[in-house]
Amino acid sequence: MNRSTLKLKRTWKRIFLVLILVPTLLVGGLMLYIQSNQSEIIKGEIEKYNKEQKALVRVGDIKLSLLGNFPYVSLKVFDVQIFESKEENAAVIMDVKDIYVGFNLSDIINGNYDVQAIIIEEGLLDIVVLEDGTLNILNALASTKVSTETIEPDSSSTNIHLKKIKFKKLNIHSLDLTN
């Protein structure tokens, strides 16, 4: 083999390394980061949420799921309960076995937890239309913060831009108290 052929082979090897190996290592590193921080991310967001809302939200274990809500990177949250308030005897609005919360990988990298898709599996959703025409779940999830000042967006905030919501084996009960 002559020198130009060897040079060409080295060039192709470098191109291969850059186009295949580097992105593979990057995606692998990102998945490792998400896997190691998933519990802290969700628990921190739930804690922040519980401080700002009327409702009490409880969650069980949390697992990373790459295929559960494809093409999104999903967190599978087990045993999710939403109560009407933080009182000890508050009514349960939702009690489900699993919720998949789907995020774009690029959003997670930037520290923005933008919910793109939700799948709710196996459980109960109890919706009540109250005397004033409002829904119990909307009242419970309403913010308790009352502020007249402009709120600066957090660099690591949770937003909801749902493109997909799916219910599987969910019993939905409704009661209308307006009559």
N, C-alpha and C. Protein backbone atom coordinates (compact mmCIF):
# COMPACT_ATOMS: atom_id res chain seq x y z
N MET A 1 0.84 -1.19 0.00
CA MET A 1 0.00 0.00 0.00
C MET A 1 0.88 1.24 0.00
N ASN A 2 0.42 2.22 -0.69
CA ASN A 2 1.20 3.45 -0.72
C ASN A 2 0.72 4.40 0.37
N ARG A 3 1.45 5.49 0.47
CA ARG A 3 1.18 6.47 1.54
C ARG A 3 -0.19 7.12 1.42
N SER A 4 -0.62 7.44 0.24
CA SER A 4 -1.91 8.11 0.06
C SER A 4 -3.06 7.21 0.47
N THR A 5 -2.95 5.90 0.23
CA THR A 5 -3.98 4.96 0.65
C THR A 5 -4.05 4.89 2.18
N LEU A 6 -2.90 4.83 2.83
CA LEU A 6 -2.87 4.80 4.30
C LEU A 6 -3.44 6.09 4.89
N LYS A 7 -3.11 7.21 4.25
CA LYS A 7 -3.62 8.50 4.71
C LYS A 7 -5.15 8.56 4.57
N LEU A 8 -5.65 8.02 3.49
CA LEU A 8 -7.09 8.00 3.24
C LEU A 8 -7.79 7.11 4.28
N LYS A 9 -7.20 5.97 4.59
CA LYS A 9 -7.78 5.07 5.60
C LYS A 9 -7.82 5.75 6.98
N ARG A 10 -6.74 6.46 7.33
CA ARG A 10 -6.72 7.18 8.61
C ARG A 10 -7.78 8.28 8.64
N THR A 11 -7.97 8.95 7.55
CA THR A 11 -8.99 9.99 7.47
C THR A 11 -10.37 9.40 7.66
N TRP A 12 -10.65 8.27 7.01
CA TRP A 12 -11.95 7.62 7.17
C TRP A 12 -12.16 7.12 8.59
N LYS A 13 -11.12 6.62 9.24
CA LYS A 13 -11.23 6.18 10.63
C LYS A 13 -11.57 7.36 11.55
N ARG A 14 -10.94 8.49 11.30
CA ARG A 14 -11.21 9.68 12.11
C ARG A 14 -12.65 10.16 11.91
N ILE A 15 -13.10 10.16 10.66
CA ILE A 15 -14.48 10.56 10.38
C ILE A 15 -15.45 9.61 11.07
N PHE A 16 -15.15 8.31 11.01
CA PHE A 16 -15.99 7.31 11.68
C PHE A 16 -16.05 7.58 13.18
N LEU A 17 -14.89 7.84 13.77
CA LEU A 17 -14.86 8.11 15.21
C LEU A 17 -15.67 9.34 15.57
N VAL A 18 -15.56 10.37 14.79
CA VAL A 18 -16.27 11.61 15.08
C VAL A 18 -17.77 11.44 14.88
N LEU A 19 -18.18 10.78 13.81
CA LEU A 19 -19.60 10.67 13.48
C LEU A 19 -20.34 9.60 14.28
N ILE A 20 -19.67 8.57 14.70
CA ILE A 20 -20.33 7.46 15.38
C ILE A 20 -19.98 7.40 16.87
N LEU A 21 -18.74 7.37 17.17
CA LEU A 21 -18.31 7.15 18.55
C LEU A 21 -18.62 8.33 19.47
N VAL A 22 -18.34 9.54 19.04
CA VAL A 22 -18.56 10.71 19.89
C VAL A 22 -20.04 10.89 20.25
N PRO A 23 -20.98 10.86 19.26
CA PRO A 23 -22.40 10.97 19.66
C PRO A 23 -22.86 9.83 20.56
N THR A 24 -22.36 8.62 20.32
CA THR A 24 -22.72 7.49 21.17
C THR A 24 -22.26 7.72 22.60
N LEU A 25 -21.05 8.19 22.77
CA LEU A 25 -20.56 8.48 24.11
C LEU A 25 -21.33 9.62 24.77
N LEU A 26 -21.69 10.63 24.00
CA LEU A 26 -22.47 11.75 24.54
C LEU A 26 -23.84 11.29 25.03
N VAL A 27 -24.55 10.53 24.21
CA VAL A 27 -25.88 10.03 24.60
C VAL A 27 -25.76 9.10 25.80
N GLY A 28 -24.76 8.25 25.81
CA GLY A 28 -24.54 7.36 26.95
C GLY A 28 -24.28 8.13 28.23
N GLY A 29 -23.47 9.17 28.13
CA GLY A 29 -23.19 10.01 29.30
C GLY A 29 -24.43 10.73 29.81
N LEU A 30 -25.26 11.22 28.89
CA LEU A 30 -26.50 11.89 29.28
C LEU A 30 -27.46 10.93 29.96
N MET A 31 -27.57 9.72 29.43
CA MET A 31 -28.44 8.72 30.04
C MET A 31 -27.96 8.37 31.45
N LEU A 32 -26.65 8.27 31.61
CA LEU A 32 -26.08 7.98 32.93
C LEU A 32 -26.39 9.12 33.91
N TYR A 33 -26.27 10.37 33.44
CA TYR A 33 -26.59 11.53 34.28
C TYR A 33 -28.06 11.49 34.71
N ILE A 34 -28.94 11.25 33.75
CA ILE A 34 -30.38 11.22 34.06
C ILE A 34 -30.68 10.08 35.01
N GLN A 35 -30.09 8.91 34.76
CA GLN A 35 -30.33 7.74 35.61
C GLN A 35 -29.90 8.02 37.04
N SER A 36 -28.75 8.67 37.22
CA SER A 36 -28.24 8.89 38.57
C SER A 36 -28.97 10.01 39.31
N ASN A 37 -29.61 10.93 38.59
CA ASN A 37 -30.26 12.07 39.23
C ASN A 37 -31.79 12.04 39.16
N GLN A 38 -32.37 10.99 38.62
CA GLN A 38 -33.82 10.97 38.39
C GLN A 38 -34.62 11.12 39.68
N SER A 39 -34.25 10.44 40.71
CA SER A 39 -35.02 10.49 41.95
C SER A 39 -34.97 11.88 42.58
N GLU A 40 -33.78 12.49 42.60
CA GLU A 40 -33.64 13.82 43.17
C GLU A 40 -34.42 14.85 42.37
N ILE A 41 -34.42 14.72 41.05
CA ILE A 41 -35.14 15.66 40.19
C ILE A 41 -36.62 15.63 40.52
N ILE A 42 -37.22 14.44 40.51
CA ILE A 42 -38.66 14.32 40.73
C ILE A 42 -39.03 14.66 42.17
N LYS A 43 -38.30 14.13 43.14
CA LYS A 43 -38.62 14.41 44.55
C LYS A 43 -38.52 15.91 44.83
N GLY A 44 -37.53 16.57 44.25
CA GLY A 44 -37.39 18.02 44.42
C GLY A 44 -38.54 18.78 43.81
N GLU A 45 -38.96 18.36 42.62
CA GLU A 45 -40.09 19.02 41.96
C GLU A 45 -41.39 18.79 42.72
N ILE A 46 -41.61 17.59 43.24
CA ILE A 46 -42.81 17.29 44.02
C ILE A 46 -42.82 18.11 45.31
N GLU A 47 -41.69 18.21 45.96
CA GLU A 47 -41.60 19.00 47.19
C GLU A 47 -41.91 20.47 46.91
N LYS A 48 -41.34 21.00 45.83
CA LYS A 48 -41.60 22.39 45.44
C LYS A 48 -43.08 22.56 45.09
N TYR A 49 -43.63 21.61 44.39
CA TYR A 49 -45.02 21.66 43.98
C TYR A 49 -45.95 21.64 45.19
N ASN A 50 -45.67 20.76 46.16
CA ASN A 50 -46.50 20.67 47.36
C ASN A 50 -46.50 21.96 48.17
N LYS A 51 -45.41 22.72 48.13
CA LYS A 51 -45.35 23.99 48.84
C LYS A 51 -46.22 25.05 48.17
N GLU A 52 -46.36 24.97 46.85
CA GLU A 52 -47.05 26.01 46.09
C GLU A 52 -48.51 25.71 45.80
N GLN A 53 -48.97 24.49 46.01
CA GLN A 53 -50.33 24.10 45.65
C GLN A 53 -51.15 23.78 46.89
N LYS A 54 -52.46 23.80 46.73
CA LYS A 54 -53.37 23.44 47.81
C LYS A 54 -53.37 21.93 48.06
N ALA A 55 -53.16 21.17 47.00
CA ALA A 55 -53.20 19.71 47.08
C ALA A 55 -51.93 19.15 47.70
N LEU A 56 -52.03 17.90 48.12
CA LEU A 56 -50.86 17.14 48.56
C LEU A 56 -50.64 16.04 47.53
N VAL A 57 -49.43 15.96 47.01
CA VAL A 57 -49.08 14.93 46.03
C VAL A 57 -48.05 14.01 46.67
N ARG A 58 -48.32 12.71 46.61
CA ARG A 58 -47.38 11.70 47.12
C ARG A 58 -47.00 10.77 45.98
N VAL A 59 -45.73 10.39 45.95
CA VAL A 59 -45.26 9.46 44.93
C VAL A 59 -44.43 8.37 45.58
N GLY A 60 -44.39 7.22 44.90
CA GLY A 60 -43.58 6.10 45.35
C GLY A 60 -42.23 6.13 44.67
N ASP A 61 -41.78 4.98 44.21
CA ASP A 61 -40.49 4.88 43.53
C ASP A 61 -40.54 5.55 42.16
N ILE A 62 -39.36 5.83 41.65
CA ILE A 62 -39.23 6.49 40.35
C ILE A 62 -38.17 5.74 39.55
N LYS A 63 -38.50 5.44 38.30
CA LYS A 63 -37.57 4.72 37.42
C LYS A 63 -37.49 5.43 36.09
N LEU A 64 -36.29 5.41 35.51
CA LEU A 64 -36.10 5.93 34.16
C LEU A 64 -36.62 4.91 33.16
N SER A 65 -37.39 5.37 32.20
CA SER A 65 -37.94 4.48 31.18
C SER A 65 -37.66 5.08 29.81
N LEU A 66 -36.82 4.39 29.04
CA LEU A 66 -36.48 4.88 27.72
C LEU A 66 -37.53 4.52 26.68
N LEU A 67 -38.26 3.43 26.88
CA LEU A 67 -39.21 2.96 25.88
C LEU A 67 -40.67 3.11 26.29
N GLY A 68 -40.95 3.42 27.52
CA GLY A 68 -42.32 3.49 28.02
C GLY A 68 -43.16 4.58 27.37
N ASN A 69 -42.54 5.61 26.89
CA ASN A 69 -43.26 6.75 26.31
C ASN A 69 -42.46 7.28 25.12
N PHE A 70 -41.88 6.36 24.35
CA PHE A 70 -41.03 6.74 23.23
C PHE A 70 -41.77 7.66 22.29
N PRO A 71 -41.20 8.70 21.74
CA PRO A 71 -39.79 9.07 21.61
C PRO A 71 -39.26 9.93 22.74
N TYR A 72 -40.01 10.09 23.79
CA TYR A 72 -39.57 10.92 24.90
C TYR A 72 -38.81 10.08 25.92
N VAL A 73 -37.91 10.71 26.64
CA VAL A 73 -37.29 10.10 27.80
C VAL A 73 -38.33 10.23 28.91
N SER A 74 -38.67 9.12 29.52
CA SER A 74 -39.75 9.15 30.50
C SER A 74 -39.28 8.75 31.88
N LEU A 75 -39.93 9.33 32.84
CA LEU A 75 -39.78 8.88 34.20
C LEU A 75 -41.07 8.16 34.56
N LYS A 76 -40.93 6.94 35.00
CA LYS A 76 -42.09 6.17 35.44
C LYS A 76 -42.20 6.37 36.95
N VAL A 77 -43.29 7.00 37.35
CA VAL A 77 -43.51 7.31 38.76
C VAL A 77 -44.58 6.35 39.27
N PHE A 78 -44.24 5.57 40.27
CA PHE A 78 -45.14 4.57 40.83
C PHE A 78 -45.97 5.17 41.96
N ASP A 79 -47.16 4.62 42.14
CA ASP A 79 -48.01 4.91 43.30
C ASP A 79 -48.20 6.42 43.53
N VAL A 80 -48.87 7.06 42.59
CA VAL A 80 -49.11 8.50 42.68
C VAL A 80 -50.48 8.75 43.30
N GLN A 81 -50.49 9.61 44.30
CA GLN A 81 -51.74 10.00 44.95
C GLN A 81 -51.82 11.51 44.99
N ILE A 82 -53.01 12.04 44.67
CA ILE A 82 -53.26 13.47 44.79
C ILE A 82 -54.46 13.62 45.72
N PHE A 83 -54.26 14.40 46.80
CA PHE A 83 -55.31 14.65 47.77
C PHE A 83 -55.86 16.07 47.57
N GLU A 84 -57.13 16.29 47.93
CA GLU A 84 -57.76 17.60 47.75
C GLU A 84 -57.04 18.71 48.49
N SER A 85 -56.48 18.40 49.64
CA SER A 85 -55.77 19.41 50.43
C SER A 85 -54.68 18.71 51.23
N LYS A 86 -54.00 19.48 52.04
CA LYS A 86 -52.94 18.92 52.87
C LYS A 86 -53.46 18.46 54.24
N GLU A 87 -54.77 18.57 54.46
CA GLU A 87 -55.36 18.14 55.72
C GLU A 87 -55.24 16.63 55.85
N GLU A 88 -55.23 16.16 57.09
CA GLU A 88 -55.02 14.74 57.37
C GLU A 88 -56.10 13.84 56.76
N ASN A 89 -57.35 14.27 56.78
CA ASN A 89 -58.45 13.45 56.29
C ASN A 89 -58.94 13.91 54.90
N ALA A 90 -58.07 14.51 54.12
CA ALA A 90 -58.46 15.03 52.80
C ALA A 90 -58.84 13.89 51.86
N ALA A 91 -59.81 14.17 51.00
CA ALA A 91 -60.28 13.19 50.03
C ALA A 91 -59.22 12.95 48.95
N VAL A 92 -59.17 11.70 48.49
CA VAL A 92 -58.25 11.33 47.42
C VAL A 92 -58.91 11.68 46.08
N ILE A 93 -58.23 12.47 45.28
CA ILE A 93 -58.73 12.81 43.95
C ILE A 93 -58.22 11.80 42.93
N MET A 94 -56.95 11.44 43.07
CA MET A 94 -56.37 10.48 42.13
C MET A 94 -55.46 9.52 42.88
N ASP A 95 -55.58 8.26 42.55
CA ASP A 95 -54.73 7.21 43.12
C ASP A 95 -54.44 6.24 41.99
N VAL A 96 -53.23 6.30 41.44
CA VAL A 96 -52.89 5.46 40.28
C VAL A 96 -51.61 4.70 40.52
N LYS A 97 -51.49 3.58 39.81
CA LYS A 97 -50.34 2.71 39.93
C LYS A 97 -49.10 3.32 39.29
N ASP A 98 -49.22 3.82 38.07
CA ASP A 98 -48.07 4.35 37.33
C ASP A 98 -48.44 5.61 36.57
N ILE A 99 -47.49 6.51 36.49
CA ILE A 99 -47.58 7.64 35.58
C ILE A 99 -46.24 7.75 34.86
N TYR A 100 -46.32 7.77 33.53
CA TYR A 100 -45.13 8.05 32.74
C TYR A 100 -45.15 9.54 32.41
N VAL A 101 -44.07 10.22 32.72
CA VAL A 101 -43.95 11.64 32.41
C VAL A 101 -42.84 11.77 31.38
N GLY A 102 -43.20 12.23 30.17
CA GLY A 102 -42.25 12.28 29.06
C GLY A 102 -41.64 13.64 28.87
N PHE A 103 -40.32 13.66 28.71
CA PHE A 103 -39.54 14.88 28.51
C PHE A 103 -38.70 14.74 27.25
N ASN A 104 -38.39 15.88 26.61
CA ASN A 104 -37.39 15.88 25.55
C ASN A 104 -36.02 15.83 26.20
N LEU A 105 -35.12 15.07 25.62
CA LEU A 105 -33.78 14.93 26.15
C LEU A 105 -33.07 16.28 26.20
N SER A 106 -33.24 17.10 25.17
CA SER A 106 -32.56 18.39 25.13
C SER A 106 -33.04 19.32 26.24
N ASP A 107 -34.32 19.24 26.60
CA ASP A 107 -34.84 20.05 27.70
C ASP A 107 -34.21 19.65 29.03
N ILE A 108 -34.05 18.36 29.24
CA ILE A 108 -33.45 17.86 30.48
C ILE A 108 -32.01 18.34 30.59
N ILE A 109 -31.29 18.29 29.47
CA ILE A 109 -29.90 18.73 29.47
C ILE A 109 -29.80 20.19 29.89
N ASN A 110 -30.74 21.01 29.44
CA ASN A 110 -30.74 22.43 29.76
C ASN A 110 -31.34 22.74 31.13
N GLY A 111 -31.80 21.73 31.85
CA GLY A 111 -32.37 21.94 33.17
C GLY A 111 -33.81 22.41 33.16
N ASN A 112 -34.46 22.37 32.00
CA ASN A 112 -35.87 22.72 31.89
C ASN A 112 -36.67 21.44 31.78
N TYR A 113 -37.50 21.20 32.74
CA TYR A 113 -38.29 19.97 32.76
C TYR A 113 -39.64 20.28 32.14
N ASP A 114 -39.69 20.18 30.82
CA ASP A 114 -40.87 20.52 30.04
C ASP A 114 -41.63 19.23 29.72
N VAL A 115 -42.76 19.03 30.38
CA VAL A 115 -43.54 17.81 30.22
C VAL A 115 -44.20 17.82 28.84
N GLN A 116 -43.89 16.82 28.03
CA GLN A 116 -44.42 16.72 26.67
C GLN A 116 -45.55 15.69 26.56
N ALA A 117 -45.49 14.64 27.39
CA ALA A 117 -46.48 13.57 27.31
C ALA A 117 -46.68 12.95 28.68
N ILE A 118 -47.90 12.48 28.91
CA ILE A 118 -48.23 11.80 30.16
C ILE A 118 -49.06 10.57 29.83
N ILE A 119 -48.71 9.45 30.45
CA ILE A 119 -49.53 8.24 30.39
C ILE A 119 -49.87 7.87 31.83
N ILE A 120 -51.17 7.77 32.11
CA ILE A 120 -51.64 7.42 33.45
C ILE A 120 -52.24 6.02 33.38
N GLU A 121 -51.74 5.11 34.24
CA GLU A 121 -52.14 3.71 34.18
C GLU A 121 -52.72 3.22 35.51
N GLU A 122 -53.76 2.44 35.40
CA GLU A 122 -54.36 1.66 36.48
C GLU A 122 -54.61 2.44 37.77
N GLY A 123 -55.83 2.85 37.92
CA GLY A 123 -56.18 3.52 39.15
C GLY A 123 -57.52 4.21 39.09
N LEU A 124 -57.64 5.25 39.90
CA LEU A 124 -58.89 5.95 40.09
C LEU A 124 -58.68 7.45 39.96
N LEU A 125 -59.61 8.09 39.26
CA LEU A 125 -59.66 9.55 39.19
C LEU A 125 -61.07 9.94 39.57
N ASP A 126 -61.19 10.71 40.64
CA ASP A 126 -62.49 11.10 41.19
C ASP A 126 -62.70 12.60 40.97
N ILE A 127 -63.52 12.95 39.98
CA ILE A 127 -63.76 14.35 39.64
C ILE A 127 -65.11 14.78 40.19
N VAL A 128 -65.10 15.91 40.90
CA VAL A 128 -66.33 16.46 41.46
C VAL A 128 -66.51 17.88 40.94
N VAL A 129 -67.71 18.14 40.38
CA VAL A 129 -68.07 19.51 40.00
C VAL A 129 -68.74 20.10 41.23
N LEU A 130 -68.09 21.11 41.80
CA LEU A 130 -68.57 21.71 43.05
C LEU A 130 -69.74 22.66 42.80
N GLU A 131 -70.38 23.10 43.87
CA GLU A 131 -71.56 23.96 43.77
C GLU A 131 -71.32 25.23 42.94
N ASP A 132 -70.11 25.76 43.02
CA ASP A 132 -69.79 26.99 42.28
C ASP A 132 -69.38 26.70 40.83
N GLY A 133 -69.45 25.44 40.40
CA GLY A 133 -69.14 25.07 39.02
C GLY A 133 -67.68 24.75 38.76
N THR A 134 -66.83 24.85 39.78
CA THR A 134 -65.41 24.52 39.60
C THR A 134 -65.19 23.04 39.84
N LEU A 135 -64.06 22.55 39.38
CA LEU A 135 -63.71 21.14 39.55
C LEU A 135 -62.80 20.97 40.76
N ASN A 136 -63.00 19.90 41.49
CA ASN A 136 -62.18 19.65 42.68
C ASN A 136 -60.69 19.54 42.33
N ILE A 137 -60.38 18.91 41.23
CA ILE A 137 -58.98 18.72 40.86
C ILE A 137 -58.32 20.05 40.49
N LEU A 138 -59.06 20.93 39.82
CA LEU A 138 -58.50 22.24 39.47
C LEU A 138 -58.30 23.10 40.71
N ASN A 139 -59.25 23.03 41.63
CA ASN A 139 -59.10 23.78 42.89
C ASN A 139 -57.90 23.26 43.69
N ALA A 140 -57.76 21.94 43.74
CA ALA A 140 -56.67 21.35 44.51
C ALA A 140 -55.31 21.68 43.90
N LEU A 141 -55.23 21.71 42.59
CA LEU A 141 -53.95 21.96 41.92
C LEU A 141 -53.68 23.45 41.70
N ALA A 142 -54.59 24.30 42.16
CA ALA A 142 -54.39 25.74 42.04
C ALA A 142 -53.28 26.19 42.98
N SER A 143 -52.56 27.19 42.56
CA SER A 143 -51.46 27.71 43.35
C SER A 143 -51.97 28.46 44.57
N THR A 144 -51.26 28.32 45.68
CA THR A 144 -51.60 29.07 46.88
C THR A 144 -50.87 30.39 46.93
N LYS A 145 -49.95 30.61 45.99
CA LYS A 145 -49.18 31.85 45.93
C LYS A 145 -50.05 32.97 45.39
N VAL A 146 -50.06 34.09 46.09
CA VAL A 146 -50.72 35.28 45.60
C VAL A 146 -49.64 36.36 45.58
N SER A 147 -49.35 36.84 44.38
CA SER A 147 -48.27 37.80 44.25
C SER A 147 -48.65 38.90 43.27
N THR A 148 -48.26 40.11 43.60
CA THR A 148 -48.50 41.24 42.69
C THR A 148 -47.24 41.59 41.92
N GLU A 149 -46.13 40.98 42.30
CA GLU A 149 -44.88 41.28 41.62
C GLU A 149 -44.69 40.35 40.43
N THR A 150 -43.87 40.77 39.50
CA THR A 150 -43.56 39.96 38.33
C THR A 150 -42.65 38.83 38.76
N ILE A 151 -42.99 37.64 38.36
CA ILE A 151 -42.21 36.47 38.74
C ILE A 151 -41.21 36.18 37.63
N GLU A 152 -39.94 36.12 38.01
CA GLU A 152 -38.90 35.78 37.05
C GLU A 152 -38.91 34.28 36.85
N PRO A 153 -38.82 33.81 35.60
CA PRO A 153 -38.79 32.38 35.38
C PRO A 153 -37.53 31.76 35.96
N ASP A 154 -37.71 30.63 36.60
CA ASP A 154 -36.60 29.87 37.16
C ASP A 154 -35.76 29.28 36.04
N SER A 155 -34.47 29.14 36.24
CA SER A 155 -33.64 28.51 35.22
C SER A 155 -33.91 27.01 35.15
N SER A 156 -34.43 26.43 36.22
CA SER A 156 -34.76 25.01 36.20
C SER A 156 -36.22 24.84 36.61
N SER A 157 -37.12 25.24 35.75
CA SER A 157 -38.53 25.18 36.07
C SER A 157 -39.19 24.01 35.36
N THR A 158 -40.37 23.66 35.86
CA THR A 158 -41.15 22.62 35.22
C THR A 158 -42.30 23.27 34.48
N ASN A 159 -42.41 22.96 33.21
CA ASN A 159 -43.48 23.48 32.37
C ASN A 159 -44.25 22.31 31.79
N ILE A 160 -45.47 22.57 31.37
CA ILE A 160 -46.28 21.53 30.77
C ILE A 160 -46.72 21.99 29.39
N HIS A 161 -46.26 21.30 28.38
CA HIS A 161 -46.66 21.53 26.99
C HIS A 161 -47.06 20.17 26.42
N LEU A 162 -48.18 19.66 26.90
CA LEU A 162 -48.60 18.31 26.52
C LEU A 162 -48.91 18.20 25.03
N LYS A 163 -48.32 17.21 24.42
CA LYS A 163 -48.66 16.85 23.06
C LYS A 163 -49.45 15.55 23.05
N LYS A 164 -49.37 14.83 24.17
CA LYS A 164 -50.04 13.53 24.25
C LYS A 164 -50.38 13.23 25.71
N ILE A 165 -51.62 12.78 25.93
CA ILE A 165 -52.02 12.27 27.24
C ILE A 165 -52.83 11.01 26.97
N LYS A 166 -52.53 9.98 27.73
CA LYS A 166 -53.17 8.69 27.49
C LYS A 166 -53.56 8.07 28.83
N PHE A 167 -54.77 7.50 28.88
CA PHE A 167 -55.24 6.81 30.07
C PHE A 167 -55.35 5.32 29.77
N LYS A 168 -54.83 4.48 30.66
CA LYS A 168 -54.93 3.03 30.50
C LYS A 168 -55.50 2.44 31.79
N LYS A 169 -56.61 1.74 31.67
CA LYS A 169 -57.25 1.08 32.82
C LYS A 169 -57.48 2.05 33.98
N LEU A 170 -58.02 3.21 33.66
CA LEU A 170 -58.27 4.24 34.67
C LEU A 170 -59.78 4.36 34.88
N ASN A 171 -60.23 4.17 36.11
CA ASN A 171 -61.63 4.36 36.46
C ASN A 171 -61.84 5.83 36.77
N ILE A 172 -62.69 6.46 35.99
CA ILE A 172 -62.97 7.88 36.19
C ILE A 172 -64.38 8.01 36.74
N HIS A 173 -64.48 8.55 37.94
CA HIS A 173 -65.77 8.77 38.59
C HIS A 173 -66.04 10.27 38.59
N SER A 174 -67.30 10.63 38.36
CA SER A 174 -67.63 12.05 38.41
C SER A 174 -68.90 12.26 39.21
N LEU A 175 -68.96 13.41 39.84
CA LEU A 175 -70.13 13.77 40.64
C LEU A 175 -70.38 15.26 40.42
N ASP A 176 -71.63 15.62 40.12
CA ASP A 176 -71.98 17.01 39.87
C ASP A 176 -72.81 17.52 41.04
N LEU A 177 -72.26 18.45 41.81
CA LEU A 177 -72.95 19.00 42.99
C LEU A 177 -73.66 20.32 42.68
N THR A 178 -73.71 20.73 41.42
CA THR A 178 -74.34 22.00 41.08
C THR A 178 -75.86 21.93 41.13
N ASN A 179 -76.42 20.76 41.09
CA ASN A 179 -77.90 20.62 41.09
C ASN A 179 -78.46 20.60 42.49
